[in-house]
Amino acid sequence: MIVHNRMYDDLCREIDSGIPEERIALLLRGIADRIQAANANPVKLTDLVSILREHPDKLVRTALRKNLTVVQ
C-alpha cells in the first residue's frame, strides 16, 4: 500500500504541466529536491523511499497523463 501523504500529493501536483518528457523531468527534479531537503531526516527519507518503492508505476502514470489527478 502506497504511503499517501502530503509529500506524495506535492510530487503529483508538481508534474501537472508540459509534455510527457517534461513531466518525467519534473518528477525526477522533485525527487532530488526532496532528498536534498530531507537533510538526513530519517522520517522524510523513509516516506520518500516508500513512495518510490511501493508504486513507482503510479507516479509515472500520473506524470504521463494529460489531465492530472492525484492517484490514490
Protein backbone atom coordinates (compact mmCIF):
# COMPACT_ATOMS: atom_id res chain seq x y z
CA MET A 1 0.00 0.00 0.00
CA ILE A 2 1.41 3.37 -1.01
CA VAL A 3 2.14 5.92 1.65
CA HIS A 4 -0.44 8.57 0.85
CA ASN A 5 0.74 11.75 2.41
CA ARG A 6 1.49 15.34 1.66
CA MET A 7 4.85 14.52 0.04
CA TYR A 8 3.13 12.24 -2.50
CA ASP A 9 0.42 14.82 -3.20
CA ASP A 10 3.04 17.55 -3.65
CA LEU A 11 5.03 15.42 -6.09
CA CYS A 12 1.88 14.80 -8.13
CA ARG A 13 0.99 18.49 -8.23
CA GLU A 14 4.45 19.42 -9.47
CA ILE A 15 4.08 17.30 -12.60
CA ASP A 16 0.83 18.78 -13.84
CA SER A 17 2.04 20.57 -16.96
CA GLY A 18 4.09 20.05 -20.08
CA ILE A 19 4.68 17.18 -22.45
CA PRO A 20 5.36 13.70 -21.00
CA GLU A 21 9.14 14.13 -21.15
CA GLU A 22 8.91 17.40 -19.23
CA ARG A 23 6.67 15.79 -16.64
CA ILE A 24 9.13 12.95 -16.05
CA ALA A 25 11.91 15.53 -15.71
CA LEU A 26 9.80 17.46 -13.18
CA LEU A 27 9.17 14.25 -11.24
CA LEU A 28 12.89 13.43 -11.08
CA ARG A 29 13.74 17.01 -10.11
CA GLY A 30 11.09 16.90 -7.39
CA ILE A 31 12.52 13.67 -6.01
CA ALA A 32 16.03 15.12 -5.98
CA ASP A 33 14.78 18.26 -4.23
CA ARG A 34 13.14 16.17 -1.52
CA ILE A 35 16.26 14.10 -0.97
CA GLN A 36 18.29 17.26 -0.55
CA ALA A 37 15.66 18.89 1.68
CA ALA A 38 15.43 15.84 3.94
CA ASN A 39 18.87 16.66 5.36
CA ALA A 40 19.26 13.08 6.52
CA ASN A 41 15.92 13.23 8.37
CA PRO A 42 15.08 9.53 8.60
CA VAL A 43 11.32 10.10 8.64
CA LYS A 44 11.31 12.21 5.48
CA LEU A 45 13.70 9.85 3.73
CA THR A 46 11.62 6.82 4.73
CA ASP A 47 8.46 8.47 3.38
CA LEU A 48 10.14 9.26 0.08
CA VAL A 49 11.58 5.75 -0.25
CA SER A 50 8.15 4.26 0.47
CA ILE A 51 6.55 6.41 -2.21
CA LEU A 52 9.20 5.44 -4.76
CA ARG A 53 9.36 1.73 -3.98
CA GLU A 54 5.77 0.78 -3.40
CA HIS A 55 4.10 2.03 -6.58
CA PRO A 56 6.51 3.86 -8.87
CA ASP A 57 4.23 2.97 -11.78
CA LYS A 58 1.50 5.19 -10.32
CA LEU A 59 3.84 8.17 -10.21
CA VAL A 60 4.92 7.52 -13.81
CA ARG A 61 1.32 7.16 -14.98
CA THR A 62 0.49 10.40 -13.20
CA ALA A 63 3.40 12.11 -14.92
CA LEU A 64 2.32 10.84 -18.33
CA ARG A 65 -1.38 11.64 -18.01
CA LYS A 66 -2.63 14.69 -19.85
CA ASN A 67 -5.28 15.64 -17.27
CA LEU A 68 -3.61 15.28 -13.91
CA THR A 69 -5.50 13.92 -10.95
CA VAL A 70 -3.86 12.63 -7.80
CA VAL A 71 -3.61 8.84 -7.88
CA GLN A 72 -4.97 7.21 -4.74
